[in-house]
Amino acid sequence: MVEIAIDCYNKSFLKTAGKKIAVMRAGNVIGGGDRAKDRLIPDIGRSIMQGEKLTLRNPDAVRPWQYVLEALFGYLTVGMKIFQDDKYC
């Protein structure tokens, strides 16, 4: 839904103003600074520090994980590309 809303906003306002926009999304990102409750890496760390058995909430999950710098690299790359070629917008 967000992609559709941004596309509509882009067509209605941004293109006519000469502005460029791209929509990107990263999922299952892990990395530094992630200390929230119910997150995989912090849960592993807490279980080790407290000497407790790790409980996986979704042991059958098969979604891949990506490191935060991979997602950031993708965002920065597309950010640069939209200035070089409109096909990335």
C-alpha atoms as a PDB file:
ATOM      1  CA  MET A   1       0.000   0.000   0.000  1.00  0.00           C
ATOM      2  CA  VAL A   2       2.805   2.419   0.810  1.00  0.00           C
ATOM      3  CA  GLU A   3       4.332   1.951  -2.654  1.00  0.00           C
ATOM      4  CA  ILE A   4       1.013   2.820  -4.272  1.00  0.00           C
ATOM      5  CA  ALA A   5       0.575   5.929  -2.096  1.00  0.00           C
ATOM      6  CA  ILE A   6       4.108   7.128  -2.862  1.00  0.00           C
ATOM      7  CA  ASP A   7       3.626   6.481  -6.585  1.00  0.00           C
ATOM      8  CA  CYS A   8       0.442   8.560  -6.558  1.00  0.00           C
ATOM      9  CA  TYR A   9       2.141  11.383  -4.636  1.00  0.00           C
ATOM     10  CA  ASN A  10       5.077  11.232  -7.026  1.00  0.00           C
ATOM     11  CA  LYS A  11       2.875  11.445 -10.120  1.00  0.00           C
ATOM     12  CA  SER A  12       0.726  14.213  -8.617  1.00  0.00           C
ATOM     13  CA  PHE A  13       3.369  16.477  -7.104  1.00  0.00           C
ATOM     14  CA  LEU A  14       7.001  15.467  -7.340  1.00  0.00           C
ATOM     15  CA  LYS A  15       7.459  14.813 -11.067  1.00  0.00           C
ATOM     16  CA  THR A  16       5.963  18.158 -12.013  1.00  0.00           C
ATOM     17  CA  ALA A  17       8.310  19.857  -9.528  1.00  0.00           C
ATOM     18  CA  GLY A  18      11.357  18.059 -10.988  1.00  0.00           C
ATOM     19  CA  LYS A  19      11.851  15.956  -7.848  1.00  0.00           C
ATOM     20  CA  LYS A  20      12.864  12.293  -7.862  1.00  0.00           C
ATOM     21  CA  ILE A  21      11.905   9.536  -5.462  1.00  0.00           C
ATOM     22  CA  ALA A  22      12.560   5.817  -5.137  1.00  0.00           C
ATOM     23  CA  VAL A  23      10.874   3.295  -2.855  1.00  0.00           C
ATOM     24  CA  MET A  24      12.978   0.658  -1.128  1.00  0.00           C
ATOM     25  CA  ARG A  25      12.344  -1.739   1.680  1.00  0.00           C
ATOM     26  CA  ALA A  26      14.669  -3.894   3.774  1.00  0.00           C
ATOM     27  CA  GLY A  27      13.414  -6.736   5.906  1.00  0.00           C
ATOM     28  CA  ASN A  28      14.913  -8.943   8.582  1.00  0.00           C
ATOM     29  CA  VAL A  29      17.824  -6.610   9.184  1.00  0.00           C
ATOM     30  CA  ILE A  30      20.272  -7.464  11.953  1.00  0.00           C
ATOM     31  CA  GLY A  31      23.261  -5.539  13.212  1.00  0.00           C
ATOM     32  CA  GLY A  32      24.705  -3.154  15.730  1.00  0.00           C
ATOM     33  CA  GLY A  33      22.389  -1.142  17.935  1.00  0.00           C
ATOM     34  CA  ASP A  34      19.620  -3.732  17.804  1.00  0.00           C
ATOM     35  CA  ARG A  35      18.881  -4.248  21.487  1.00  0.00           C
ATOM     36  CA  ALA A  36      15.115  -4.388  21.350  1.00  0.00           C
ATOM     37  CA  LYS A  37      13.091  -7.040  23.118  1.00  0.00           C
ATOM     38  CA  ASP A  38      12.009  -9.999  20.983  1.00  0.00           C
ATOM     39  CA  ARG A  39      14.780  -9.649  18.394  1.00  0.00           C
ATOM     40  CA  LEU A  40      16.996 -12.579  17.437  1.00  0.00           C
ATOM     41  CA  ILE A  41      20.511 -11.266  18.115  1.00  0.00           C
ATOM     42  CA  PRO A  42      19.648  -9.521  21.410  1.00  0.00           C
ATOM     43  CA  ASP A  43      17.764 -12.661  22.532  1.00  0.00           C
ATOM     44  CA  ILE A  44      20.841 -14.795  21.826  1.00  0.00           C
ATOM     45  CA  GLY A  45      23.071 -12.377  23.735  1.00  0.00           C
ATOM     46  CA  ARG A  46      20.741 -12.221  26.720  1.00  0.00           C
ATOM     47  CA  SER A  47      20.418 -15.998  26.888  1.00  0.00           C
ATOM     48  CA  ILE A  48      24.210 -16.363  26.884  1.00  0.00           C
ATOM     49  CA  MET A  49      24.731 -13.633  29.503  1.00  0.00           C
ATOM     50  CA  GLN A  50      22.022 -15.049  31.783  1.00  0.00           C
ATOM     51  CA  GLY A  51      23.004 -18.677  31.210  1.00  0.00           C
ATOM     52  CA  GLU A  52      19.506 -19.533  30.029  1.00  0.00           C
ATOM     53  CA  LYS A  53      18.316 -21.742  27.198  1.00  0.00           C
ATOM     54  CA  LEU A  54      17.483 -19.776  24.055  1.00  0.00           C
ATOM     55  CA  THR A  55      13.861 -20.072  22.959  1.00  0.00           C
ATOM     56  CA  LEU A  56      13.171 -19.346  19.314  1.00  0.00           C
ATOM     57  CA  ARG A  57       9.708 -17.893  18.846  1.00  0.00           C
ATOM     58  CA  ASN A  58       9.430 -19.039  15.215  1.00  0.00           C
ATOM     59  CA  PRO A  59      11.747 -22.031  14.780  1.00  0.00           C
ATOM     60  CA  ASP A  60      10.221 -22.956  11.400  1.00  0.00           C
ATOM     61  CA  ALA A  61      10.812 -19.512   9.875  1.00  0.00           C
ATOM     62  CA  VAL A  62      12.888 -19.590   6.708  1.00  0.00           C
ATOM     63  CA  ARG A  63      13.161 -15.893   5.848  1.00  0.00           C
ATOM     64  CA  PRO A  64      16.744 -14.796   5.170  1.00  0.00           C
ATOM     65  CA  TRP A  65      18.544 -12.232   7.320  1.00  0.00           C
ATOM     66  CA  GLN A  66      20.650  -9.356   6.078  1.00  0.00           C
ATOM     67  CA  TYR A  67      23.232  -7.312   7.912  1.00  0.00           C
ATOM     68  CA  VAL A  68      22.368  -3.660   8.431  1.00  0.00           C
ATOM     69  CA  LEU A  69      25.276  -2.465   6.277  1.00  0.00           C
ATOM     70  CA  GLU A  70      23.941  -4.462   3.316  1.00  0.00           C
ATOM     71  CA  ALA A  71      20.614  -2.656   3.546  1.00  0.00           C
ATOM     72  CA  LEU A  72      22.361   0.702   3.985  1.00  0.00           C
ATOM     73  CA  PHE A  73      24.571   0.021   0.950  1.00  0.00           C
ATOM     74  CA  GLY A  74      21.452  -0.691  -1.108  1.00  0.00           C
ATOM     75  CA  TYR A  75      19.755   2.510   0.017  1.00  0.00           C
ATOM     76  CA  LEU A  76      22.832   4.628  -0.723  1.00  0.00           C
ATOM     77  CA  THR A  77      23.378   2.969  -4.107  1.00  0.00           C
ATOM     78  CA  VAL A  78      19.813   3.620  -5.243  1.00  0.00           C
ATOM     79  CA  GLY A  79      20.054   7.142  -3.825  1.00  0.00           C
ATOM     80  CA  MET A  80      23.023   7.816  -6.102  1.00  0.00           C
ATOM     81  CA  LYS A  81      21.485   6.033  -9.099  1.00  0.00           C
ATOM     82  CA  ILE A  82      18.276   8.094  -9.126  1.00  0.00           C
ATOM     83  CA  PHE A  83      20.387  11.140  -9.967  1.00  0.00           C
ATOM     84  CA  GLN A  84      22.086   9.308 -12.850  1.00  0.00           C
ATOM     85  CA  ASP A  85      19.093   7.620 -14.482  1.00  0.00           C
ATOM     86  CA  ASP A  86      15.341   8.122 -14.069  1.00  0.00           C
ATOM     87  CA  LYS A  87      14.678   4.383 -14.471  1.00  0.00           C
ATOM     88  CA  TYR A  88      15.577   3.979 -10.779  1.00  0.00           C
ATOM     89  CA  CYS A  89      12.875   6.414  -9.678  1.00  0.00           C
END
